[in-house]
Amino acid sequence: MPMNKLLLLFSLFTFNFSLFTCFAQNLVPNPSFEEHSLCPDGLGQITYCQDWVSFRGTPDYYNTCSTMNGMAPPNTPLGYQYPRTGNAFTGFAVYAWNNPNMQEHVGVHLFAPLNIGAKYYLTFYINTAYNASNANIATNKIGALLTTYQYSDPDWLKILPNACTIKEDSIINDTVNWVKISGSFIADSAYQYLVIGCFFDDNHIDTLNLPYPLFPQLGYYNLDDICLSTDSIYCENWTGLNNIINNRSTAFIYPNPSSDEFHIISNDAIEFIQVLNSTGQVVYSSEKIKDKEFDISLGFLKAGIYIVRIETTSYLSNIKINIIH
């Protein structure tokens, strides 16, 4: 068989294979909390974890890199627990017997705003922290809230909304295993932030006292491995740490679908961009961009599915887009 025909068949095979393997995206930066600026040496240091911040209260960060006793899993001040994957996880309070409405929220700015009208799937894992003398209460109503803005309530002063995007109505009291919480929703706004915690006040949650020597004190949960995507299968099968490199080494395109303008965001400087149709033909090309953000106008193309091939200084990404007219 002539060499040029072999190359053509190989190109078509590679292109078609990418259609099924390269499109799912986790919109959550640092979803397993592995990337950090500093190793934690005390409680309340969520800002040491890259991309993540406190929205309410003082959430905590645990990483095996810590040399401080109690901040390196599996030994923590509020129990004994290994990360679900990797070396790190975060933790937040959801109830305190002597401090009304001490619900903590931890949040992150998503890679790209959500597309209004699109359906999204969210999964994350929690574990009930247990230490008989202090972390010894389990609750329900742990969930996630999507917002268009970042809020800050370090002193627990704002009224809780008693509503969120998804939640678990059952009491989670597994102190050994990581429990998956999942749900789906239709984006009714261009949400840019994901927040996790309990968004209901003490009068709207149920509690369960775990074994304690003196009296119950605190409800507290550990958090790891978060996925937010338009692909339900991708999130259901997302394996946490194994996806971190791919998650951080990819570009994101929005809005998608679009009738014309697409905005591309990358973690690394973009070298060039190509758009390919369903037969693998290049229908758009732009080189020497040298920037992390770029707009492309594709209104001249017919409606349909296309592949945007993005090459940066460190990786190559293929992302499916949908052009509508």
C-alpha atoms as a PDB file:
ATOM      1  CA  MET A   1       0.000   0.000   0.000  1.00  0.00           C
ATOM      2  CA  PRO A   2       1.422   3.440  -0.899  1.00  0.00           C
ATOM      3  CA  MET A   3       2.920   5.331   2.009  1.00  0.00           C
ATOM      4  CA  ASN A   4       0.668   8.388   1.540  1.00  0.00           C
ATOM      5  CA  LYS A   5      -2.420   6.176   1.793  1.00  0.00           C
ATOM      6  CA  LEU A   6      -1.118   4.601   5.006  1.00  0.00           C
ATOM      7  CA  LEU A   7      -0.542   8.044   6.465  1.00  0.00           C
ATOM      8  CA  LEU A   8      -4.061   9.104   5.498  1.00  0.00           C
ATOM      9  CA  LEU A   9      -5.613   6.022   7.136  1.00  0.00           C
ATOM     10  CA  PHE A  10      -3.527   6.561  10.260  1.00  0.00           C
ATOM     11  CA  SER A  11      -4.584  10.210  10.438  1.00  0.00           C
ATOM     12  CA  LEU A  12      -8.253   9.338  10.067  1.00  0.00           C
ATOM     13  CA  PHE A  13      -7.965   6.629  12.721  1.00  0.00           C
ATOM     14  CA  THR A  14      -6.242   8.995  15.117  1.00  0.00           C
ATOM     15  CA  PHE A  15      -8.838  11.698  14.478  1.00  0.00           C
ATOM     16  CA  ASN A  16     -11.812   9.360  14.963  1.00  0.00           C
ATOM     17  CA  PHE A  17     -10.261   7.860  18.080  1.00  0.00           C
ATOM     18  CA  SER A  18      -9.880  11.340  19.545  1.00  0.00           C
ATOM     19  CA  LEU A  19     -13.590  11.939  18.991  1.00  0.00           C
ATOM     20  CA  PHE A  20     -14.323   9.409  21.714  1.00  0.00           C
ATOM     21  CA  THR A  21     -11.460  10.002  24.112  1.00  0.00           C
ATOM     22  CA  CYS A  22     -10.472  13.655  24.265  1.00  0.00           C
ATOM     23  CA  PHE A  23     -13.599  15.700  24.812  1.00  0.00           C
ATOM     24  CA  ALA A  24     -14.598  15.267  28.452  1.00  0.00           C
ATOM     25  CA  GLN A  25     -13.351  18.009  30.716  1.00  0.00           C
ATOM     26  CA  ASN A  26     -13.293  18.406  34.465  1.00  0.00           C
ATOM     27  CA  LEU A  27     -14.027  22.078  35.048  1.00  0.00           C
ATOM     28  CA  VAL A  28     -12.647  21.969  38.607  1.00  0.00           C
ATOM     29  CA  PRO A  29      -9.034  23.142  39.068  1.00  0.00           C
ATOM     30  CA  ASN A  30      -6.878  21.061  41.404  1.00  0.00           C
ATOM     31  CA  PRO A  31      -9.789  18.635  41.995  1.00  0.00           C
ATOM     32  CA  SER A  32      -7.872  16.332  44.364  1.00  0.00           C
ATOM     33  CA  PHE A  33      -6.099  19.134  46.279  1.00  0.00           C
ATOM     34  CA  GLU A  34      -2.636  17.847  45.404  1.00  0.00           C
ATOM     35  CA  GLU A  35      -1.185  21.145  44.181  1.00  0.00           C
ATOM     36  CA  HIS A  36      -0.189  23.514  46.967  1.00  0.00           C
ATOM     37  CA  SER A  37       1.877  26.619  47.653  1.00  0.00           C
ATOM     38  CA  LEU A  38       2.852  25.623  51.199  1.00  0.00           C
ATOM     39  CA  CYS A  39       2.557  22.537  53.343  1.00  0.00           C
ATOM     40  CA  PRO A  40      -0.007  23.051  56.122  1.00  0.00           C
ATOM     41  CA  ASP A  41       1.276  23.545  59.666  1.00  0.00           C
ATOM     42  CA  GLY A  42      -2.056  24.311  61.347  1.00  0.00           C
ATOM     43  CA  LEU A  43      -5.814  24.396  60.941  1.00  0.00           C
ATOM     44  CA  GLY A  44      -7.642  26.935  58.776  1.00  0.00           C
ATOM     45  CA  GLN A  45      -5.032  26.988  55.984  1.00  0.00           C
ATOM     46  CA  ILE A  46      -7.145  26.166  52.939  1.00  0.00           C
ATOM     47  CA  THR A  47      -5.360  28.936  51.004  1.00  0.00           C
ATOM     48  CA  TYR A  48      -2.197  26.792  51.044  1.00  0.00           C
ATOM     49  CA  CYS A  49      -4.042  24.557  48.575  1.00  0.00           C
ATOM     50  CA  GLN A  50      -3.765  25.988  45.065  1.00  0.00           C
ATOM     51  CA  ASP A  51      -6.972  27.504  43.620  1.00  0.00           C
ATOM     52  CA  TRP A  52      -9.129  26.767  46.695  1.00  0.00           C
ATOM     53  CA  VAL A  53     -10.344  29.375  49.185  1.00  0.00           C
ATOM     54  CA  SER A  54     -12.699  29.754  52.130  1.00  0.00           C
ATOM     55  CA  PHE A  55     -16.159  31.060  51.337  1.00  0.00           C
ATOM     56  CA  ARG A  56     -17.419  30.645  54.922  1.00  0.00           C
ATOM     57  CA  GLY A  57     -15.587  29.870  58.151  1.00  0.00           C
ATOM     58  CA  THR A  58     -12.056  28.479  58.166  1.00  0.00           C
ATOM     59  CA  PRO A  59     -11.859  25.193  56.208  1.00  0.00           C
ATOM     60  CA  ASP A  60      -8.730  23.090  56.658  1.00  0.00           C
ATOM     61  CA  TYR A  61      -6.074  21.579  54.400  1.00  0.00           C
ATOM     62  CA  TYR A  62      -4.244  18.307  55.043  1.00  0.00           C
ATOM     63  CA  ASN A  63      -1.235  17.059  53.080  1.00  0.00           C
ATOM     64  CA  THR A  64       1.332  14.349  53.768  1.00  0.00           C
ATOM     65  CA  CYS A  65       4.046  16.901  52.974  1.00  0.00           C
ATOM     66  CA  SER A  66       3.383  18.572  56.339  1.00  0.00           C
ATOM     67  CA  THR A  67       5.975  18.142  59.073  1.00  0.00           C
ATOM     68  CA  MET A  68       3.549  19.403  61.722  1.00  0.00           C
ATOM     69  CA  ASN A  69       2.003  16.693  63.872  1.00  0.00           C
ATOM     70  CA  GLY A  70      -1.686  16.290  63.029  1.00  0.00           C
ATOM     71  CA  MET A  71      -1.644  17.966  59.613  1.00  0.00           C
ATOM     72  CA  ALA A  72      -0.214  15.022  57.645  1.00  0.00           C
ATOM     73  CA  PRO A  73      -2.747  12.265  56.871  1.00  0.00           C
ATOM     74  CA  PRO A  74      -3.711   9.788  58.073  1.00  0.00           C
ATOM     75  CA  ASN A  75      -3.278  11.449  61.478  1.00  0.00           C
ATOM     76  CA  THR A  76      -5.332  14.640  61.744  1.00  0.00           C
ATOM     77  CA  PRO A  77      -6.678  16.571  64.749  1.00  0.00           C
ATOM     78  CA  LEU A  78     -10.198  15.341  63.961  1.00  0.00           C
ATOM     79  CA  GLY A  79      -9.569  11.694  63.181  1.00  0.00           C
ATOM     80  CA  TYR A  80      -7.598   9.076  61.289  1.00  0.00           C
ATOM     81  CA  GLN A  81      -8.085   9.055  57.523  1.00  0.00           C
ATOM     82  CA  TYR A  82      -6.036   8.464  54.381  1.00  0.00           C
ATOM     83  CA  PRO A  83      -6.740  10.582  51.278  1.00  0.00           C
ATOM     84  CA  ARG A  84      -9.009   8.874  48.785  1.00  0.00           C
ATOM     85  CA  THR A  85      -6.261   9.413  46.185  1.00  0.00           C
ATOM     86  CA  GLY A  86      -2.870  11.047  46.335  1.00  0.00           C
ATOM     87  CA  ASN A  87      -1.523  12.871  49.373  1.00  0.00           C
ATOM     88  CA  ALA A  88      -4.078  15.494  50.316  1.00  0.00           C
ATOM     89  CA  PHE A  89      -7.663  16.360  51.164  1.00  0.00           C
ATOM     90  CA  THR A  90      -9.603  19.211  52.753  1.00  0.00           C
ATOM     91  CA  GLY A  91     -12.043  19.354  55.650  1.00  0.00           C
ATOM     92  CA  PHE A  92     -14.930  21.528  56.819  1.00  0.00           C
ATOM     93  CA  ALA A  93     -17.269  21.780  59.806  1.00  0.00           C
ATOM     94  CA  VAL A  94     -21.021  21.376  59.323  1.00  0.00           C
ATOM     95  CA  TYR A  95     -22.374  21.583  62.882  1.00  0.00           C
ATOM     96  CA  ALA A  96     -21.251  22.577  66.391  1.00  0.00           C
ATOM     97  CA  TRP A  97     -23.279  21.937  69.519  1.00  0.00           C
ATOM     98  CA  ASN A  98     -22.172  25.216  71.200  1.00  0.00           C
ATOM     99  CA  ASN A  99     -21.832  27.472  68.141  1.00  0.00           C
ATOM    100  CA  PRO A 100     -25.047  27.932  66.115  1.00  0.00           C
ATOM    101  CA  ASN A 101     -24.822  27.617  62.336  1.00  0.00           C
ATOM    102  CA  MET A 102     -21.078  26.961  62.187  1.00  0.00           C
ATOM    103  CA  GLN A 103     -21.250  25.553  58.668  1.00  0.00           C
ATOM    104  CA  GLU A 104     -18.033  26.000  56.662  1.00  0.00           C
ATOM    105  CA  HIS A 105     -17.856  26.364  52.874  1.00  0.00           C
ATOM    106  CA  VAL A 106     -14.846  25.714  50.643  1.00  0.00           C
ATOM    107  CA  GLY A 107     -14.874  26.874  47.029  1.00  0.00           C
ATOM    108  CA  VAL A 108     -13.025  27.294  43.749  1.00  0.00           C
ATOM    109  CA  HIS A 109     -13.172  29.443  40.602  1.00  0.00           C
ATOM    110  CA  LEU A 110     -13.994  27.095  37.716  1.00  0.00           C
ATOM    111  CA  PHE A 111     -11.838  26.842  34.607  1.00  0.00           C
ATOM    112  CA  ALA A 112     -14.656  28.352  32.532  1.00  0.00           C
ATOM    113  CA  PRO A 113     -18.194  29.684  33.112  1.00  0.00           C
ATOM    114  CA  LEU A 114     -21.022  27.211  32.693  1.00  0.00           C
ATOM    115  CA  ASN A 115     -23.142  27.355  29.553  1.00  0.00           C
ATOM    116  CA  ILE A 116     -26.714  28.439  30.273  1.00  0.00           C
ATOM    117  CA  GLY A 117     -29.132  25.651  29.384  1.00  0.00           C
ATOM    118  CA  ALA A 118     -26.490  22.910  29.409  1.00  0.00           C
ATOM    119  CA  LYS A 119     -26.765  19.901  31.715  1.00  0.00           C
ATOM    120  CA  TYR A 120     -23.882  19.295  34.120  1.00  0.00           C
ATOM    121  CA  TYR A 121     -22.893  16.367  36.309  1.00  0.00           C
ATOM    122  CA  LEU A 122     -21.108  16.721  39.632  1.00  0.00           C
ATOM    123  CA  THR A 123     -19.447  14.117  41.837  1.00  0.00           C
ATOM    124  CA  PHE A 124     -17.339  14.452  44.970  1.00  0.00           C
ATOM    125  CA  TYR A 125     -16.321  12.258  47.883  1.00  0.00           C
ATOM    126  CA  ILE A 126     -16.703  12.891  51.599  1.00  0.00           C
ATOM    127  CA  ASN A 127     -15.746  11.006  54.723  1.00  0.00           C
ATOM    128  CA  THR A 128     -17.111  11.514  58.240  1.00  0.00           C
ATOM    129  CA  ALA A 129     -14.276  12.702  60.455  1.00  0.00           C
ATOM    130  CA  TYR A 130     -14.371  10.951  63.814  1.00  0.00           C
ATOM    131  CA  ASN A 131     -12.535  11.625  67.032  1.00  0.00           C
ATOM    132  CA  ALA A 132     -14.553  10.526  70.060  1.00  0.00           C
ATOM    133  CA  SER A 133     -13.643  13.577  72.125  1.00  0.00           C
ATOM    134  CA  ASN A 134     -14.529  16.277  69.568  1.00  0.00           C
ATOM    135  CA  ALA A 135     -15.534  15.275  66.001  1.00  0.00           C
ATOM    136  CA  ASN A 136     -18.387  12.946  66.947  1.00  0.00           C
ATOM    137  CA  ILE A 137     -21.537  14.142  65.144  1.00  0.00           C
ATOM    138  CA  ALA A 138     -22.822  13.108  61.698  1.00  0.00           C
ATOM    139  CA  THR A 139     -25.313  15.170  59.670  1.00  0.00           C
ATOM    140  CA  ASN A 140     -27.180  15.306  56.386  1.00  0.00           C
ATOM    141  CA  LYS A 141     -27.669  18.088  53.795  1.00  0.00           C
ATOM    142  CA  ILE A 142     -24.026  18.144  52.665  1.00  0.00           C
ATOM    143  CA  GLY A 143     -23.927  19.421  49.115  1.00  0.00           C
ATOM    144  CA  ALA A 144     -22.672  21.857  46.506  1.00  0.00           C
ATOM    145  CA  LEU A 145     -23.658  25.329  45.389  1.00  0.00           C
ATOM    146  CA  LEU A 146     -22.864  26.924  42.015  1.00  0.00           C
ATOM    147  CA  THR A 147     -22.625  30.708  42.084  1.00  0.00           C
ATOM    148  CA  THR A 148     -21.764  33.584  39.759  1.00  0.00           C
ATOM    149  CA  TYR A 149     -19.797  35.384  42.472  1.00  0.00           C
ATOM    150  CA  GLN A 150     -17.328  34.740  45.271  1.00  0.00           C
ATOM    151  CA  TYR A 151     -18.452  35.480  48.817  1.00  0.00           C
ATOM    152  CA  SER A 152     -16.486  35.631  52.051  1.00  0.00           C
ATOM    153  CA  ASP A 153     -17.920  34.958  55.509  1.00  0.00           C
ATOM    154  CA  PRO A 154     -14.989  33.992  57.770  1.00  0.00           C
ATOM    155  CA  ASP A 155     -16.941  34.693  60.979  1.00  0.00           C
ATOM    156  CA  TRP A 156     -20.159  32.817  60.131  1.00  0.00           C
ATOM    157  CA  LEU A 157     -22.241  36.023  60.167  1.00  0.00           C
ATOM    158  CA  LYS A 158     -24.316  35.708  56.990  1.00  0.00           C
ATOM    159  CA  ILE A 159     -27.648  33.906  56.958  1.00  0.00           C
ATOM    160  CA  LEU A 160     -27.481  30.511  55.290  1.00  0.00           C
ATOM    161  CA  PRO A 161     -29.675  30.122  52.176  1.00  0.00           C
ATOM    162  CA  ASN A 162     -31.202  26.755  53.184  1.00  0.00           C
ATOM    163  CA  ALA A 163     -30.861  25.762  49.538  1.00  0.00           C
ATOM    164  CA  CYS A 164     -28.121  24.594  47.183  1.00  0.00           C
ATOM    165  CA  THR A 165     -27.611  23.062  43.740  1.00  0.00           C
ATOM    166  CA  ILE A 166     -27.296  19.431  44.848  1.00  0.00           C
ATOM    167  CA  LYS A 167     -27.341  17.848  48.303  1.00  0.00           C
ATOM    168  CA  GLU A 168     -27.452  14.518  50.128  1.00  0.00           C
ATOM    169  CA  ASP A 169     -30.570  14.213  52.298  1.00  0.00           C
ATOM    170  CA  SER A 170     -29.342  11.111  54.134  1.00  0.00           C
ATOM    171  CA  ILE A 171     -27.055  11.348  57.142  1.00  0.00           C
ATOM    172  CA  ILE A 172     -23.515  10.355  56.146  1.00  0.00           C
ATOM    173  CA  ASN A 173     -21.870   8.559  59.081  1.00  0.00           C
ATOM    174  CA  ASP A 174     -19.200   6.405  57.428  1.00  0.00           C
ATOM    175  CA  THR A 175     -15.988   7.144  59.322  1.00  0.00           C
ATOM    176  CA  VAL A 176     -13.911   4.618  57.343  1.00  0.00           C
ATOM    177  CA  ASN A 177     -14.810   4.829  53.649  1.00  0.00           C
ATOM    178  CA  TRP A 178     -15.101   7.708  51.219  1.00  0.00           C
ATOM    179  CA  VAL A 179     -18.748   8.208  50.185  1.00  0.00           C
ATOM    180  CA  LYS A 180     -19.651   9.552  46.740  1.00  0.00           C
ATOM    181  CA  ILE A 181     -22.165  12.382  46.476  1.00  0.00           C
ATOM    182  CA  SER A 182     -23.408  13.045  42.960  1.00  0.00           C
ATOM    183  CA  GLY A 183     -26.101  14.901  41.104  1.00  0.00           C
ATOM    184  CA  SER A 184     -26.967  16.777  37.931  1.00  0.00           C
ATOM    185  CA  PHE A 185     -28.482  20.145  37.106  1.00  0.00           C
ATOM    186  CA  ILE A 186     -29.301  22.465  34.216  1.00  0.00           C
ATOM    187  CA  ALA A 187     -27.249  25.663  34.396  1.00  0.00           C
ATOM    188  CA  ASP A 188     -29.623  28.639  34.556  1.00  0.00           C
ATOM    189  CA  SER A 189     -26.760  31.145  34.879  1.00  0.00           C
ATOM    190  CA  ALA A 190     -23.153  31.393  33.710  1.00  0.00           C
ATOM    191  CA  TYR A 191     -21.891  30.067  37.033  1.00  0.00           C
ATOM    192  CA  GLN A 192     -18.189  30.574  37.695  1.00  0.00           C
ATOM    193  CA  TYR A 193     -17.722  29.211  41.237  1.00  0.00           C
ATOM    194  CA  LEU A 194     -18.255  25.828  42.858  1.00  0.00           C
ATOM    195  CA  VAL A 195     -18.748  25.786  46.634  1.00  0.00           C
ATOM    196  CA  ILE A 196     -19.011  22.659  48.825  1.00  0.00           C
ATOM    197  CA  GLY A 197     -20.282  22.362  52.387  1.00  0.00           C
ATOM    198  CA  CYS A 198     -23.592  22.474  54.245  1.00  0.00           C
ATOM    199  CA  PHE A 199     -25.822  25.368  53.180  1.00  0.00           C
ATOM    200  CA  PHE A 200     -28.611  24.735  55.692  1.00  0.00           C
ATOM    201  CA  ASP A 201     -28.852  26.172  59.195  1.00  0.00           C
ATOM    202  CA  ASP A 202     -29.080  24.027  62.318  1.00  0.00           C
ATOM    203  CA  ASN A 203     -32.894  24.023  62.247  1.00  0.00           C
ATOM    204  CA  HIS A 204     -32.930  22.427  58.788  1.00  0.00           C
ATOM    205  CA  ILE A 205     -30.471  19.552  59.255  1.00  0.00           C
ATOM    206  CA  ASP A 206     -30.632  16.231  61.075  1.00  0.00           C
ATOM    207  CA  THR A 207     -27.805  15.067  63.329  1.00  0.00           C
ATOM    208  CA  LEU A 208     -26.615  11.721  64.648  1.00  0.00           C
ATOM    209  CA  ASN A 209     -24.394  11.459  67.714  1.00  0.00           C
ATOM    210  CA  LEU A 210     -21.486   9.069  67.253  1.00  0.00           C
ATOM    211  CA  PRO A 211     -19.903   7.366  70.328  1.00  0.00           C
ATOM    212  CA  TYR A 212     -18.472   9.958  72.711  1.00  0.00           C
ATOM    213  CA  PRO A 213     -16.917   9.878  76.227  1.00  0.00           C
ATOM    214  CA  LEU A 214     -18.371  13.145  77.594  1.00  0.00           C
ATOM    215  CA  PHE A 215     -20.708  14.904  75.142  1.00  0.00           C
ATOM    216  CA  PRO A 216     -21.087  15.431  71.360  1.00  0.00           C
ATOM    217  CA  GLN A 217     -19.284  18.476  70.018  1.00  0.00           C
ATOM    218  CA  LEU A 218     -18.674  18.837  66.276  1.00  0.00           C
ATOM    219  CA  GLY A 219     -19.823  17.575  62.898  1.00  0.00           C
ATOM    220  CA  TYR A 220     -16.921  17.598  60.429  1.00  0.00           C
ATOM    221  CA  TYR A 221     -16.316  16.071  57.000  1.00  0.00           C
ATOM    222  CA  ASN A 222     -13.271  15.410  54.845  1.00  0.00           C
ATOM    223  CA  LEU A 223     -13.463  16.151  51.094  1.00  0.00           C
ATOM    224  CA  ASP A 224     -11.565  14.740  48.095  1.00  0.00           C
ATOM    225  CA  ASP A 225     -11.780  14.113  44.326  1.00  0.00           C
ATOM    226  CA  ILE A 226     -14.293  16.486  42.719  1.00  0.00           C
ATOM    227  CA  CYS A 227     -15.543  16.343  39.139  1.00  0.00           C
ATOM    228  CA  LEU A 228     -17.832  18.750  37.263  1.00  0.00           C
ATOM    229  CA  SER A 229     -18.494  18.019  33.595  1.00  0.00           C
ATOM    230  CA  THR A 230     -21.157  17.863  30.902  1.00  0.00           C
ATOM    231  CA  ASP A 231     -20.288  14.169  30.508  1.00  0.00           C
ATOM    232  CA  SER A 232     -21.993  11.977  33.115  1.00  0.00           C
ATOM    233  CA  ILE A 233     -19.937   8.881  32.274  1.00  0.00           C
ATOM    234  CA  TYR A 234     -16.721  10.860  32.594  1.00  0.00           C
ATOM    235  CA  CYS A 235     -17.591  12.040  36.109  1.00  0.00           C
ATOM    236  CA  GLU A 236     -18.985   8.705  37.252  1.00  0.00           C
ATOM    237  CA  ASN A 237     -15.759   6.992  36.235  1.00  0.00           C
ATOM    238  CA  TRP A 238     -13.368   9.794  37.105  1.00  0.00           C
ATOM    239  CA  THR A 239     -10.543   8.343  39.165  1.00  0.00           C
ATOM    240  CA  GLY A 240      -9.199  11.392  40.943  1.00  0.00           C
ATOM    241  CA  LEU A 241      -5.420  11.482  41.045  1.00  0.00           C
ATOM    242  CA  ASN A 242      -5.003   9.626  37.760  1.00  0.00           C
ATOM    243  CA  ASN A 243      -6.712  12.513  35.971  1.00  0.00           C
ATOM    244  CA  ILE A 244      -4.874  15.407  37.580  1.00  0.00           C
ATOM    245  CA  ILE A 245      -2.166  15.749  34.947  1.00  0.00           C
ATOM    246  CA  ASN A 246      -4.654  15.639  32.099  1.00  0.00           C
ATOM    247  CA  ASN A 247      -6.976  18.005  33.936  1.00  0.00           C
ATOM    248  CA  ARG A 248      -4.267  20.613  34.473  1.00  0.00           C
ATOM    249  CA  SER A 249      -2.758  20.117  31.021  1.00  0.00           C
ATOM    250  CA  THR A 250      -5.725  20.967  28.860  1.00  0.00           C
ATOM    251  CA  ALA A 251      -7.509  23.903  27.300  1.00  0.00           C
ATOM    252  CA  PHE A 252     -11.115  24.928  27.779  1.00  0.00           C
ATOM    253  CA  ILE A 253     -13.500  26.371  25.231  1.00  0.00           C
ATOM    254  CA  TYR A 254     -16.674  28.339  25.886  1.00  0.00           C
ATOM    255  CA  PRO A 255     -19.425  28.990  25.050  1.00  0.00           C
ATOM    256  CA  ASN A 256     -19.966  25.579  23.513  1.00  0.00           C
ATOM    257  CA  PRO A 257     -22.120  25.244  21.457  1.00  0.00           C
ATOM    258  CA  SER A 258     -21.919  28.646  19.763  1.00  0.00           C
ATOM    259  CA  SER A 259     -23.018  30.176  16.478  1.00  0.00           C
ATOM    260  CA  ASP A 260     -19.785  32.087  15.937  1.00  0.00           C
ATOM    261  CA  GLU A 261     -17.367  33.163  18.680  1.00  0.00           C
ATOM    262  CA  PHE A 262     -15.471  30.628  20.810  1.00  0.00           C
ATOM    263  CA  HIS A 263     -13.160  31.676  23.648  1.00  0.00           C
ATOM    264  CA  ILE A 264     -10.175  29.438  24.439  1.00  0.00           C
ATOM    265  CA  ILE A 265      -8.370  29.377  27.787  1.00  0.00           C
ATOM    266  CA  SER A 266      -5.157  27.421  28.362  1.00  0.00           C
ATOM    267  CA  ASN A 267      -2.809  26.893  31.296  1.00  0.00           C
ATOM    268  CA  ASP A 268       0.161  27.340  28.951  1.00  0.00           C
ATOM    269  CA  ALA A 269       0.907  29.728  26.095  1.00  0.00           C
ATOM    270  CA  ILE A 270      -0.878  28.599  22.917  1.00  0.00           C
ATOM    271  CA  GLU A 271       1.406  27.953  19.953  1.00  0.00           C
ATOM    272  CA  PHE A 272      -1.220  27.335  17.278  1.00  0.00           C
ATOM    273  CA  ILE A 273      -4.837  26.326  16.759  1.00  0.00           C
ATOM    274  CA  GLN A 274      -6.458  24.230  14.042  1.00  0.00           C
ATOM    275  CA  VAL A 275     -10.119  23.415  13.475  1.00  0.00           C
ATOM    276  CA  LEU A 276     -10.920  20.141  11.699  1.00  0.00           C
ATOM    277  CA  ASN A 277     -14.199  18.941  10.241  1.00  0.00           C
ATOM    278  CA  SER A 278     -15.610  15.417  10.570  1.00  0.00           C
ATOM    279  CA  THR A 279     -13.374  14.084   7.777  1.00  0.00           C
ATOM    280  CA  GLY A 280     -10.194  15.457   9.332  1.00  0.00           C
ATOM    281  CA  GLN A 281      -9.860  18.381   6.912  1.00  0.00           C
ATOM    282  CA  VAL A 282      -8.358  21.570   8.369  1.00  0.00           C
ATOM    283  CA  VAL A 283     -10.943  24.346   7.947  1.00  0.00           C
ATOM    284  CA  TYR A 284      -9.311  26.977  10.155  1.00  0.00           C
ATOM    285  CA  SER A 285      -5.746  27.601  11.278  1.00  0.00           C
ATOM    286  CA  SER A 286      -4.057  30.244  13.403  1.00  0.00           C
ATOM    287  CA  GLU A 287      -0.371  30.175  14.393  1.00  0.00           C
ATOM    288  CA  LYS A 288       2.069  32.077  16.605  1.00  0.00           C
ATOM    289  CA  ILE A 289      -0.529  33.122  19.169  1.00  0.00           C
ATOM    290  CA  LYS A 290       1.812  33.106  22.186  1.00  0.00           C
ATOM    291  CA  ASP A 291      -0.998  33.806  24.663  1.00  0.00           C
ATOM    292  CA  LYS A 292      -3.068  31.796  27.170  1.00  0.00           C
ATOM    293  CA  GLU A 293      -6.397  33.127  25.883  1.00  0.00           C
ATOM    294  CA  PHE A 294      -7.639  33.426  22.332  1.00  0.00           C
ATOM    295  CA  ASP A 295     -10.913  34.070  20.490  1.00  0.00           C
ATOM    296  CA  ILE A 296     -11.827  32.369  17.233  1.00  0.00           C
ATOM    297  CA  SER A 297     -14.709  33.303  14.953  1.00  0.00           C
ATOM    298  CA  LEU A 298     -16.178  30.305  13.121  1.00  0.00           C
ATOM    299  CA  GLY A 299     -19.509  31.664  11.907  1.00  0.00           C
ATOM    300  CA  PHE A 300     -18.440  31.034   8.323  1.00  0.00           C
ATOM    301  CA  LEU A 301     -18.527  27.269   8.884  1.00  0.00           C
ATOM    302  CA  LYS A 302     -21.597  25.091   8.426  1.00  0.00           C
ATOM    303  CA  ALA A 303     -23.440  23.929  11.530  1.00  0.00           C
ATOM    304  CA  GLY A 304     -22.059  20.693  12.949  1.00  0.00           C
ATOM    305  CA  ILE A 305     -19.413  19.051  15.100  1.00  0.00           C
ATOM    306  CA  TYR A 306     -15.764  20.088  14.720  1.00  0.00           C
ATOM    307  CA  ILE A 307     -12.500  19.379  16.489  1.00  0.00           C
ATOM    308  CA  VAL A 308     -10.328  22.191  17.792  1.00  0.00           C
ATOM    309  CA  ARG A 309      -6.695  21.077  17.972  1.00  0.00           C
ATOM    310  CA  ILE A 310      -4.687  23.241  20.383  1.00  0.00           C
ATOM    311  CA  GLU A 311      -0.925  22.996  20.709  1.00  0.00           C
ATOM    312  CA  THR A 312       0.764  24.791  23.593  1.00  0.00           C
ATOM    313  CA  THR A 313       4.324  24.914  24.844  1.00  0.00           C
ATOM    314  CA  SER A 314       3.831  21.633  26.705  1.00  0.00           C
ATOM    315  CA  TYR A 315       0.891  19.611  25.328  1.00  0.00           C
ATOM    316  CA  LEU A 316      -1.554  18.947  22.513  1.00  0.00           C
ATOM    317  CA  SER A 317      -5.322  18.980  23.130  1.00  0.00           C
ATOM    318  CA  ASN A 318      -8.266  17.976  20.906  1.00  0.00           C
ATOM    319  CA  ILE A 319     -11.647  19.383  21.961  1.00  0.00           C
ATOM    320  CA  LYS A 320     -15.026  18.849  20.329  1.00  0.00           C
ATOM    321  CA  ILE A 321     -17.149  21.934  19.618  1.00  0.00           C
ATOM    322  CA  ASN A 322     -20.651  22.297  18.230  1.00  0.00           C
ATOM    323  CA  ILE A 323     -21.381  25.117  15.777  1.00  0.00           C
ATOM    324  CA  ILE A 324     -25.077  26.014  15.570  1.00  0.00           C
ATOM    325  CA  HIS A 325     -26.916  28.469  13.291  1.00  0.00           C
END
